[in-house]
Amino acid sequence: MILQRPSLSYIPKRIVSLVPSQTELLFDLGLEDETVGITKFCVHPEKWFRTKTRVGGTKTINIEKIKSLHPDLIIANKEENVKEQIEAISMIAPTWISDIQNLDDALQMISDIGQLTNKVSEANRVVTEIESAFGNINIDKTSHSKALYLIWRKPWMTIGKDTFIHAMLEKLNLKNAFEHLSRYPELSDDDIRNSNASLVLLSSEPYPFKEKHIAMIQELLPEAKIELVDGEMFSWYGSRLLKAPVYFESLF
């Protein structure tokens, strides 16, 4: 069963999380004993990564392993998980699916998971602290740099207007160089040259950009400032958002 609302007739005791940022949220809500399964990409907290049962990747779910865990709640995401796999596992246990495109969506997701897991007060605390942190973020509001955010190479890939990363760039008063495109478009070298971006952000995930890639981009955009950035701070929409504003201030 796919849950249409964040409510159950019982308090879940065996939760499987298929989304790294939502797994970290479960930890911060105090659901140590209740969380029984995570993905191989759920690297935070490290203790869970080492000790919890892994049920495959976000897009390569091991359905039989999930079934063996006897979950009473599965938590997924519309973008990060595969529709057909979600439909299959929803036959095992009630499955709740988040759909995140901006900070408001993320805060609603945190509240919803609090409701689902009987951790309402804990979730409300996280939401309040995130709102406060972003409200007090000290970023130069006069800067409107055109930014190119790269998530992949061979081919180069960036982010369009309907992504959470785009929403984070807006929070930082940066103009997405490819805001006229959707989702995660591929780019040619010429696309990058013609972007006229003055700032390039090379993400640590999903592609692990390194120092050696800076020179490649500098050849295409000689005048641009190029930074290696922590992709988790731009794309994880759970409780990691508590740490993002301080990181952004240190970066910019």
Protein backbone atom coordinates (compact mmCIF):
# COMPACT_ATOMS: atom_id res chain seq x y z
CA MET A 1 0.00 0.00 0.00
CA ILE A 2 1.27 3.45 -0.94
CA LEU A 3 0.34 5.92 1.77
CA GLN A 4 -1.50 8.97 0.46
CA ARG A 5 -1.22 10.74 3.82
CA PRO A 6 1.49 10.63 6.50
CA SER A 7 -0.55 8.56 8.93
CA LEU A 8 -0.73 4.99 10.17
CA SER A 9 -3.08 3.27 12.59
CA TYR A 10 -0.05 2.05 14.56
CA ILE A 11 3.42 3.21 15.57
CA PRO A 12 5.95 1.54 13.20
CA LYS A 13 8.55 -0.67 14.83
CA ARG A 14 10.40 -1.94 11.74
CA ILE A 15 11.29 0.81 9.26
CA VAL A 16 13.20 0.49 5.97
CA SER A 17 14.57 3.72 4.50
CA LEU A 18 15.50 3.88 0.84
CA VAL A 19 16.80 7.47 0.83
CA PRO A 20 20.13 8.55 2.38
CA SER A 21 19.02 11.99 3.58
CA GLN A 22 15.84 10.55 5.09
CA THR A 23 17.82 7.79 6.79
CA GLU A 24 19.93 10.41 8.53
CA LEU A 25 16.72 12.13 9.60
CA LEU A 26 15.45 8.90 11.19
CA PHE A 27 18.65 8.78 13.23
CA ASP A 28 18.27 12.38 14.36
CA LEU A 29 14.67 11.67 15.37
CA GLY A 30 15.91 8.91 17.69
CA LEU A 31 14.71 5.90 15.68
CA GLU A 32 17.74 3.70 16.32
CA ASP A 33 15.87 0.52 17.23
CA GLU A 34 13.02 1.01 14.78
CA THR A 35 15.15 1.40 11.64
CA VAL A 36 16.06 -2.09 10.37
CA GLY A 37 17.06 -1.52 6.73
CA ILE A 38 18.90 1.14 4.71
CA THR A 39 20.58 1.43 1.30
CA LYS A 40 24.27 1.11 0.52
CA PHE A 41 24.32 4.88 -0.06
CA CYS A 42 23.01 5.70 3.43
CA VAL A 43 26.45 6.65 4.73
CA HIS A 44 25.24 8.84 7.61
CA PRO A 45 25.40 8.07 10.42
CA GLU A 46 28.48 5.90 9.98
CA LYS A 47 27.36 3.63 12.81
CA TRP A 48 24.21 2.72 10.91
CA PHE A 49 26.13 2.29 7.66
CA ARG A 50 28.30 -0.30 9.39
CA THR A 51 25.61 -2.10 11.37
CA LYS A 52 22.20 -1.84 9.66
CA THR A 53 21.08 -4.29 7.00
CA ARG A 54 21.63 -2.88 3.51
CA VAL A 55 18.90 -3.56 0.98
CA GLY A 56 20.71 -2.56 -2.23
CA GLY A 57 21.05 0.82 -3.88
CA THR A 58 18.46 3.55 -4.17
CA LYS A 59 17.70 2.44 -7.74
CA THR A 60 18.62 -1.24 -7.34
CA ILE A 61 16.49 -2.33 -4.39
CA ASN A 62 16.73 -5.95 -3.26
CA ILE A 63 13.05 -6.70 -2.83
CA GLU A 64 13.57 -10.13 -1.27
CA LYS A 65 15.92 -8.70 1.34
CA ILE A 66 13.36 -6.06 2.24
CA LYS A 67 10.72 -8.74 2.55
CA SER A 68 12.96 -10.73 4.91
CA LEU A 69 13.15 -7.75 7.28
CA HIS A 70 9.36 -7.80 7.79
CA PRO A 71 9.03 -4.00 7.71
CA ASP A 72 5.88 -2.22 8.85
CA LEU A 73 6.88 1.05 7.12
CA ILE A 74 9.01 1.77 4.07
CA ILE A 75 10.16 5.33 3.36
CA ALA A 76 11.05 6.26 -0.24
CA ASN A 77 11.37 9.24 -2.58
CA LYS A 78 9.84 9.94 -5.98
CA GLU A 79 13.11 10.99 -7.61
CA GLU A 80 15.69 8.81 -5.90
CA ASN A 81 13.83 5.51 -6.19
CA VAL A 82 12.42 3.65 -9.21
CA LYS A 83 8.65 3.73 -9.63
CA GLU A 84 8.29 0.05 -10.56
CA GLN A 85 10.38 -1.04 -7.56
CA ILE A 86 8.37 1.18 -5.21
CA GLU A 87 5.15 -0.33 -6.51
CA ALA A 88 6.55 -3.81 -5.86
CA ILE A 89 7.70 -3.13 -2.29
CA SER A 90 4.43 -1.36 -1.46
CA MET A 91 2.92 -4.85 -1.56
CA ILE A 92 5.21 -5.79 1.35
CA ALA A 93 4.43 -2.92 3.72
CA PRO A 94 2.86 0.56 3.76
CA THR A 95 5.17 2.79 1.73
CA TRP A 96 5.43 6.56 2.05
CA ILE A 97 6.98 8.56 -0.81
CA SER A 98 8.38 12.06 -0.47
CA ASP A 99 8.61 14.51 -3.38
CA ILE A 100 11.12 17.30 -2.72
CA GLN A 101 11.87 20.29 -4.95
CA ASN A 102 12.53 23.10 -2.47
CA LEU A 103 13.14 23.91 1.18
CA ASP A 104 9.44 24.10 2.03
CA ASP A 105 8.97 20.58 0.62
CA ALA A 106 11.88 19.38 2.74
CA LEU A 107 10.46 20.89 5.92
CA GLN A 108 7.07 19.34 5.19
CA MET A 109 8.73 15.96 4.65
CA ILE A 110 10.44 16.21 8.05
CA SER A 111 7.10 17.00 9.69
CA ASP A 112 5.40 14.15 7.83
CA ILE A 113 7.99 11.60 8.91
CA GLY A 114 7.60 12.87 12.46
CA GLN A 115 3.90 12.13 12.21
CA LEU A 116 4.44 8.69 10.70
CA THR A 117 6.93 7.60 13.36
CA ASN A 118 5.37 9.19 16.46
CA LYS A 119 8.23 11.69 16.69
CA VAL A 120 6.22 14.87 16.18
CA SER A 121 7.94 17.03 18.80
CA GLU A 122 11.40 15.91 17.66
CA ALA A 123 10.54 16.65 14.01
CA ASN A 124 9.10 20.05 14.92
CA ARG A 125 12.35 20.89 16.71
CA VAL A 126 14.38 20.00 13.61
CA VAL A 127 12.08 22.09 11.39
CA THR A 128 12.30 25.09 13.71
CA GLU A 129 16.09 24.92 13.89
CA ILE A 130 16.43 24.65 10.11
CA GLU A 131 14.11 27.62 9.57
CA SER A 132 16.11 29.65 12.07
CA ALA A 133 19.46 28.68 10.52
CA PHE A 134 18.37 29.62 7.00
CA GLY A 135 16.67 32.77 8.27
CA ASN A 136 19.92 33.94 9.83
CA ILE A 137 22.25 32.88 7.04
CA ASN A 138 24.87 35.55 6.38
CA ILE A 139 25.36 35.54 2.61
CA ASP A 140 26.01 38.68 0.56
CA LYS A 141 22.52 39.53 -0.70
CA THR A 142 23.91 41.92 -3.32
CA SER A 143 25.67 39.13 -5.20
CA HIS A 144 23.86 37.69 -8.21
CA SER A 145 26.63 35.54 -9.68
CA LYS A 146 25.66 33.25 -12.52
CA ALA A 147 26.53 29.80 -11.23
CA LEU A 148 27.09 26.52 -13.03
CA TYR A 149 26.60 23.51 -10.76
CA LEU A 150 28.03 20.29 -12.21
CA ILE A 151 27.04 16.85 -10.95
CA TRP A 152 28.65 14.58 -13.58
CA ARG A 153 31.22 14.31 -16.35
CA LYS A 154 31.35 12.13 -19.47
CA PRO A 155 28.91 13.65 -20.19
CA TRP A 156 28.89 16.87 -18.23
CA MET A 157 25.59 17.20 -16.38
CA THR A 158 24.08 20.09 -14.49
CA ILE A 159 20.84 20.91 -12.64
CA GLY A 160 17.69 22.52 -14.00
CA LYS A 161 15.07 24.71 -12.40
CA ASP A 162 12.92 21.94 -10.93
CA THR A 163 15.53 20.47 -8.57
CA PHE A 164 16.31 20.86 -4.89
CA ILE A 165 19.84 21.99 -5.72
CA HIS A 166 18.42 24.84 -7.81
CA ALA A 167 16.35 25.89 -4.79
CA MET A 168 19.50 25.92 -2.66
CA LEU A 169 21.28 28.13 -5.20
CA GLU A 170 18.37 30.55 -4.98
CA LYS A 171 18.73 30.63 -1.18
CA LEU A 172 22.35 31.69 -1.75
CA ASN A 173 21.29 34.44 -4.15
CA LEU A 174 22.99 32.68 -7.05
CA LYS A 175 21.52 32.54 -10.54
CA ASN A 176 21.49 29.03 -12.01
CA ALA A 177 23.14 29.27 -15.44
CA PHE A 178 20.76 26.59 -16.75
CA GLU A 179 17.56 27.52 -14.97
CA HIS A 180 15.78 27.50 -18.33
CA LEU A 181 16.20 23.70 -18.48
CA SER A 182 14.58 20.90 -16.48
CA ARG A 183 15.89 18.12 -14.27
CA TYR A 184 19.50 17.09 -14.99
CA PRO A 185 20.46 18.09 -18.54
CA GLU A 186 23.62 16.97 -20.32
CA LEU A 187 26.03 19.67 -21.49
CA SER A 188 28.61 19.90 -24.24
CA ASP A 189 31.86 21.82 -23.89
CA ASP A 190 30.27 24.57 -25.98
CA ASP A 191 27.26 24.71 -23.66
CA ILE A 192 29.62 25.37 -20.77
CA ARG A 193 31.60 27.98 -22.71
CA ASN A 194 28.42 29.78 -23.76
CA SER A 195 26.93 29.73 -20.25
CA ASN A 196 29.03 32.77 -19.28
CA ALA A 197 29.04 31.46 -15.72
CA SER A 198 31.22 33.44 -13.35
CA LEU A 199 31.12 30.72 -10.69
CA VAL A 200 31.38 26.96 -11.18
CA LEU A 201 30.55 24.55 -8.36
CA LEU A 202 31.93 21.02 -8.77
CA SER A 203 29.93 18.68 -6.56
CA SER A 204 31.37 15.81 -4.53
CA GLU A 205 28.38 13.66 -5.52
CA PRO A 206 27.09 11.78 -7.40
CA TYR A 207 30.31 12.28 -9.40
CA PRO A 208 33.32 12.80 -7.11
CA PHE A 209 34.92 15.85 -8.68
CA LYS A 210 38.54 16.45 -7.60
CA GLU A 211 41.19 19.13 -7.96
CA LYS A 212 42.26 17.73 -11.33
CA HIS A 213 38.87 18.60 -12.83
CA ILE A 214 39.22 22.28 -12.02
CA ALA A 215 41.72 22.74 -14.85
CA MET A 216 39.34 21.11 -17.34
CA ILE A 217 36.61 23.60 -16.53
CA GLN A 218 39.03 26.52 -16.34
CA GLU A 219 39.95 25.91 -19.99
CA LEU A 220 36.29 26.29 -20.93
CA LEU A 221 35.61 29.25 -18.62
CA PRO A 222 38.96 31.03 -18.09
CA GLU A 223 37.46 33.92 -16.10
CA ALA A 224 35.26 31.83 -13.79
CA LYS A 225 35.89 31.09 -10.15
CA ILE A 226 35.75 27.33 -9.61
CA GLU A 227 35.03 25.64 -6.28
CA LEU A 228 34.87 22.02 -5.14
CA VAL A 229 31.77 21.74 -2.95
CA ASP A 230 30.18 19.22 -0.61
CA GLY A 231 27.25 17.88 -2.63
CA GLU A 232 25.48 16.63 0.49
CA MET A 233 25.03 20.21 1.68
CA PHE A 234 23.31 21.17 -1.57
CA SER A 235 21.24 18.04 -2.19
CA TRP A 236 20.45 16.27 1.10
CA TYR A 237 17.04 17.49 2.25
CA GLY A 238 16.76 15.89 5.68
CA SER A 239 18.32 16.91 8.97
CA ARG A 240 21.64 17.65 7.21
CA LEU A 241 19.98 20.96 6.41
CA LEU A 242 20.83 21.91 9.99
CA LYS A 243 24.49 22.04 8.96
CA ALA A 244 24.09 23.57 5.50
CA PRO A 245 23.84 27.30 6.36
CA VAL A 246 27.12 27.31 8.31
CA TYR A 247 28.78 25.46 5.43
CA PHE A 248 27.40 27.93 2.89
CA GLU A 249 28.68 30.87 4.92
CA SER A 250 32.16 29.35 5.06
CA LEU A 251 32.06 28.68 1.31
CA PHE A 252 30.86 32.09 0.16
